[in-house]
């Protein structure tokens, strides 16, 4: 089963990056307030980017890479690669 890296834009215009095996289920959890504390306190959220990866290891590495970027770099990346 493929892993998904995703980026959400939150109500305060911050960005949240995460990984999951089931993107639809994870989005529903976030939107219902049962996801991460960070997202829960900044609802509503909008899915703005997804990327499929072969396994959990690749997904974790990619998540760490993107999380290390500045917000400006993330915004540029999203602009070029939006959903």
N, C-alpha and C. Protein backbone atom coordinates (compact mmCIF):
# COMPACT_ATOMS: atom_id res chain seq x y z
N UNK A 1 0.84 -1.18 0.00
CA UNK A 1 0.00 0.00 0.00
C UNK A 1 0.89 1.25 0.00
N UNK A 2 0.50 2.22 -0.80
CA UNK A 2 1.25 3.48 -0.91
C UNK A 2 1.05 4.35 0.33
N UNK A 3 2.04 5.17 0.60
CA UNK A 3 1.95 6.19 1.65
C UNK A 3 1.73 7.53 0.97
N UNK A 4 1.09 8.43 1.68
CA UNK A 4 0.82 9.77 1.17
C UNK A 4 1.44 10.81 2.08
N UNK A 5 2.17 11.72 1.50
CA UNK A 5 2.60 12.92 2.20
C UNK A 5 1.58 13.98 1.83
N UNK A 6 1.18 14.80 2.79
CA UNK A 6 0.20 15.83 2.48
C UNK A 6 0.55 17.13 3.21
N UNK A 7 0.08 18.22 2.62
CA UNK A 7 0.23 19.53 3.24
C UNK A 7 -1.14 20.18 3.32
N UNK A 8 -1.46 20.69 4.50
CA UNK A 8 -2.72 21.39 4.73
C UNK A 8 -2.44 22.87 4.96
N UNK A 9 -3.34 23.71 4.47
CA UNK A 9 -3.32 25.13 4.83
C UNK A 9 -4.39 25.31 5.91
N UNK A 10 -4.01 25.90 7.02
CA UNK A 10 -4.90 26.06 8.16
C UNK A 10 -5.48 27.47 8.22
N UNK A 11 -6.45 27.66 9.09
CA UNK A 11 -7.18 28.92 9.15
C UNK A 11 -6.29 30.12 9.46
N UNK A 12 -5.17 29.91 10.14
CA UNK A 12 -4.25 31.01 10.43
C UNK A 12 -3.18 31.17 9.36
N UNK A 13 -3.38 30.50 8.22
CA UNK A 13 -2.48 30.51 7.06
C UNK A 13 -1.18 29.75 7.31
N UNK A 14 -1.10 29.00 8.40
CA UNK A 14 0.07 28.15 8.62
C UNK A 14 -0.09 26.88 7.78
N UNK A 15 1.02 26.15 7.63
CA UNK A 15 1.03 24.92 6.85
C UNK A 15 1.34 23.75 7.76
N UNK A 16 0.65 22.64 7.54
CA UNK A 16 0.86 21.42 8.31
C UNK A 16 1.24 20.31 7.35
N UNK A 17 2.33 19.63 7.61
CA UNK A 17 2.79 18.52 6.77
C UNK A 17 2.69 17.23 7.55
N UNK A 18 2.12 16.20 6.92
CA UNK A 18 1.99 14.91 7.58
C UNK A 18 2.05 13.78 6.57
N UNK A 19 2.03 12.55 7.08
CA UNK A 19 2.00 11.35 6.23
C UNK A 19 0.90 10.42 6.72
N UNK A 20 0.41 9.59 5.81
CA UNK A 20 -0.64 8.64 6.15
C UNK A 20 -0.73 7.57 5.06
N UNK A 21 -1.33 6.46 5.40
CA UNK A 21 -1.63 5.43 4.40
C UNK A 21 -2.98 5.71 3.74
N UNK A 22 -3.90 6.32 4.49
CA UNK A 22 -5.27 6.55 4.02
C UNK A 22 -5.57 8.05 4.10
N UNK A 23 -5.36 8.74 3.00
CA UNK A 23 -5.48 10.20 2.99
C UNK A 23 -6.90 10.66 3.30
N UNK A 24 -7.91 10.01 2.76
CA UNK A 24 -9.30 10.43 3.01
C UNK A 24 -9.66 10.30 4.48
N UNK A 25 -9.30 9.19 5.09
CA UNK A 25 -9.58 8.97 6.52
C UNK A 25 -8.84 9.99 7.38
N UNK A 26 -7.59 10.26 7.03
CA UNK A 26 -6.81 11.22 7.82
C UNK A 26 -7.38 12.63 7.72
N UNK A 27 -7.80 13.01 6.52
CA UNK A 27 -8.42 14.33 6.36
C UNK A 27 -9.71 14.44 7.17
N UNK A 28 -10.49 13.39 7.16
CA UNK A 28 -11.73 13.39 7.95
C UNK A 28 -11.42 13.54 9.43
N UNK A 29 -10.39 12.85 9.90
CA UNK A 29 -10.00 12.98 11.31
C UNK A 29 -9.58 14.41 11.63
N UNK A 30 -8.77 15.00 10.76
CA UNK A 30 -8.36 16.39 10.98
C UNK A 30 -9.58 17.30 11.01
N UNK A 31 -10.45 17.18 10.03
CA UNK A 31 -11.60 18.08 9.90
C UNK A 31 -12.61 17.92 11.04
N UNK A 32 -12.68 16.73 11.62
CA UNK A 32 -13.61 16.50 12.73
C UNK A 32 -12.99 16.88 14.07
N UNK A 33 -11.73 17.30 14.07
CA UNK A 33 -11.07 17.69 15.31
C UNK A 33 -10.41 16.55 16.04
N UNK A 34 -10.32 15.38 15.40
CA UNK A 34 -9.70 14.21 16.02
C UNK A 34 -8.32 13.90 15.46
N UNK A 35 -7.74 14.84 14.74
CA UNK A 35 -6.40 14.68 14.20
C UNK A 35 -5.38 15.24 15.18
N UNK A 36 -4.40 15.92 14.68
CA UNK A 36 -3.36 16.49 15.55
C UNK A 36 -3.87 17.70 16.32
N UNK A 37 -3.26 17.96 17.46
CA UNK A 37 -3.63 19.14 18.27
C UNK A 37 -3.39 20.42 17.49
N UNK A 38 -2.30 20.46 16.75
CA UNK A 38 -1.95 21.66 15.99
C UNK A 38 -3.07 22.01 15.01
N UNK A 39 -3.52 21.02 14.25
CA UNK A 39 -4.58 21.27 13.27
C UNK A 39 -5.90 21.56 13.97
N UNK A 40 -6.22 20.83 15.00
CA UNK A 40 -7.49 20.98 15.72
C UNK A 40 -7.70 22.43 16.18
N UNK A 41 -6.63 23.08 16.60
CA UNK A 41 -6.77 24.45 17.10
C UNK A 41 -6.75 25.50 15.98
N UNK A 42 -6.64 25.04 14.73
CA UNK A 42 -6.56 25.98 13.61
C UNK A 42 -7.51 25.61 12.47
N UNK A 43 -8.60 24.96 12.79
CA UNK A 43 -9.59 24.58 11.77
C UNK A 43 -10.34 25.81 11.29
N UNK A 44 -10.86 25.80 10.08
CA UNK A 44 -10.85 24.69 9.11
C UNK A 44 -9.49 24.57 8.41
N UNK A 45 -9.35 23.44 7.70
CA UNK A 45 -8.12 23.19 6.96
C UNK A 45 -8.46 22.84 5.52
N UNK A 46 -7.48 23.04 4.65
CA UNK A 46 -7.65 22.75 3.23
C UNK A 46 -6.45 21.95 2.74
N UNK A 47 -6.71 20.85 2.06
CA UNK A 47 -5.64 20.05 1.46
C UNK A 47 -5.10 20.82 0.26
N UNK A 48 -3.79 21.10 0.27
CA UNK A 48 -3.21 21.87 -0.84
C UNK A 48 -2.12 21.12 -1.60
N UNK A 49 -1.67 19.97 -1.06
CA UNK A 49 -0.63 19.21 -1.76
C UNK A 49 -0.64 17.77 -1.28
N UNK A 50 -0.45 16.84 -2.21
CA UNK A 50 -0.26 15.43 -1.86
C UNK A 50 0.83 14.85 -2.75
N UNK A 51 1.46 13.82 -2.22
CA UNK A 51 2.54 13.14 -2.93
C UNK A 51 2.50 11.67 -2.50
N UNK A 52 2.55 10.75 -3.45
CA UNK A 52 2.56 9.32 -3.14
C UNK A 52 4.00 8.83 -3.00
N UNK A 53 4.21 7.98 -2.01
CA UNK A 53 5.54 7.40 -1.78
C UNK A 53 5.39 5.89 -1.60
N UNK A 54 6.44 5.17 -1.92
CA UNK A 54 6.41 3.71 -1.94
C UNK A 54 6.26 3.06 -0.56
N UNK A 55 6.89 3.65 0.47
CA UNK A 55 6.86 3.01 1.78
C UNK A 55 6.97 4.05 2.89
N UNK A 56 6.82 3.60 4.12
CA UNK A 56 6.82 4.50 5.28
C UNK A 56 8.16 5.22 5.43
N UNK A 57 9.25 4.50 5.19
CA UNK A 57 10.57 5.09 5.32
C UNK A 57 10.74 6.28 4.37
N UNK A 58 10.35 6.10 3.11
CA UNK A 58 10.44 7.19 2.14
C UNK A 58 9.55 8.36 2.56
N UNK A 59 8.35 8.04 3.05
CA UNK A 59 7.41 9.08 3.47
C UNK A 59 7.96 9.88 4.64
N UNK A 60 8.55 9.20 5.61
CA UNK A 60 9.13 9.89 6.76
C UNK A 60 10.29 10.79 6.36
N UNK A 61 11.12 10.31 5.46
CA UNK A 61 12.26 11.11 4.98
C UNK A 61 11.78 12.36 4.24
N UNK A 62 10.79 12.18 3.39
CA UNK A 62 10.25 13.31 2.62
C UNK A 62 9.56 14.31 3.55
N UNK A 63 8.83 13.80 4.53
CA UNK A 63 8.17 14.67 5.51
C UNK A 63 9.21 15.51 6.26
N UNK A 64 10.28 14.88 6.71
CA UNK A 64 11.34 15.59 7.43
C UNK A 64 11.98 16.65 6.54
N UNK A 65 12.20 16.29 5.27
CA UNK A 65 12.79 17.25 4.33
C UNK A 65 11.91 18.49 4.20
N UNK A 66 10.63 18.29 3.94
CA UNK A 66 9.72 19.42 3.74
C UNK A 66 9.55 20.23 5.02
N UNK A 67 9.47 19.55 6.16
CA UNK A 67 9.33 20.26 7.43
C UNK A 67 10.54 21.13 7.73
N UNK A 68 11.69 20.80 7.17
CA UNK A 68 12.90 21.59 7.43
C UNK A 68 12.94 22.88 6.60
N UNK A 69 12.08 22.98 5.59
CA UNK A 69 12.05 24.16 4.74
C UNK A 69 11.41 25.35 5.45
N UNK A 70 11.77 26.54 5.02
CA UNK A 70 11.11 27.75 5.51
C UNK A 70 9.70 27.80 4.92
N UNK A 71 8.84 28.60 5.54
CA UNK A 71 7.47 28.74 5.01
C UNK A 71 7.53 29.30 3.59
N UNK A 72 8.42 30.24 3.35
CA UNK A 72 8.55 30.83 2.02
C UNK A 72 8.88 29.75 0.97
N UNK A 73 9.81 28.88 1.30
CA UNK A 73 10.17 27.81 0.36
C UNK A 73 9.00 26.86 0.15
N UNK A 74 8.28 26.54 1.22
CA UNK A 74 7.10 25.67 1.09
C UNK A 74 6.05 26.31 0.19
N UNK A 75 5.82 27.61 0.36
CA UNK A 75 4.83 28.32 -0.46
C UNK A 75 5.24 28.29 -1.93
N UNK A 76 6.50 28.49 -2.22
CA UNK A 76 6.99 28.43 -3.60
C UNK A 76 6.80 27.03 -4.18
N UNK A 77 7.12 26.02 -3.38
CA UNK A 77 6.96 24.63 -3.81
C UNK A 77 5.50 24.32 -4.10
N UNK A 78 4.62 24.75 -3.21
CA UNK A 78 3.18 24.50 -3.37
C UNK A 78 2.66 25.21 -4.62
N UNK A 79 3.10 26.43 -4.84
CA UNK A 79 2.66 27.20 -6.00
C UNK A 79 2.98 26.46 -7.30
N UNK A 80 4.13 25.83 -7.34
CA UNK A 80 4.57 25.10 -8.53
C UNK A 80 3.95 23.70 -8.64
N UNK A 81 3.49 23.14 -7.51
CA UNK A 81 3.05 21.74 -7.48
C UNK A 81 1.68 21.54 -6.83
N UNK A 82 0.79 22.51 -6.90
CA UNK A 82 -0.47 22.41 -6.17
C UNK A 82 -1.37 21.29 -6.67
N UNK A 83 -2.30 20.88 -5.80
CA UNK A 83 -3.21 19.76 -6.05
C UNK A 83 -4.04 20.01 -7.29
